[in-house]
Amino acid sequence: MILDTGYWMLDTGYWILDTGYWMLDSGGLPAFGGSDV
């Protein structure tokens, strides 16, 4: 989770507004698309 959030954090600038689900569903998918829904 937090260990994987090293590059996509800089790659996506909108996840900051959606830090409500990725924090709970951060399994790696958000790193590619940003939306784990």
Protein backbone atom coordinates (compact mmCIF):
# COMPACT_ATOMS: atom_id res chain seq x y z
CA MET A 1 0.00 0.00 0.00
CA ILE A 2 2.07 2.87 1.30
CA LEU A 3 5.17 1.20 -0.06
CA ASP A 4 3.64 1.15 -3.53
CA THR A 5 2.56 4.78 -3.36
CA GLY A 6 5.91 6.10 -4.49
CA TYR A 7 5.52 6.87 -8.18
CA TRP A 8 1.83 7.06 -8.91
CA MET A 9 1.57 9.64 -6.17
CA LEU A 10 3.58 11.92 -8.43
CA ASP A 11 1.96 10.59 -11.59
CA THR A 12 -1.60 11.36 -10.49
CA GLY A 13 -2.61 14.77 -9.27
CA TYR A 14 -6.30 14.09 -8.74
CA TRP A 15 -6.05 11.21 -6.28
CA ILE A 16 -5.53 13.86 -3.60
CA LEU A 17 -9.17 14.80 -4.05
CA ASP A 18 -10.25 11.18 -3.93
CA THR A 19 -8.18 10.05 -0.96
CA GLY A 20 -11.25 8.37 0.46
CA TYR A 21 -11.31 4.99 -1.24
CA TRP A 22 -7.78 4.32 -2.43
CA MET A 23 -6.66 4.54 1.17
CA LEU A 24 -9.00 1.65 1.92
CA ASP A 25 -8.71 -0.12 -1.41
CA SER A 26 -5.11 0.63 -2.21
CA GLY A 27 -4.11 -2.73 -3.59
CA GLY A 28 -2.10 -1.64 -6.60
CA LEU A 29 -4.88 -0.86 -9.06
CA PRO A 30 -4.92 2.87 -8.20
CA ALA A 31 -1.32 2.96 -9.34
CA PHE A 32 -2.39 2.32 -12.91
CA GLY A 33 -5.76 3.98 -13.27
CA GLY A 34 -6.27 5.93 -10.08
CA SER A 35 -9.78 4.62 -9.64
CA ASP A 36 -10.09 1.30 -7.90
CA VAL A 37 -13.86 1.43 -8.25
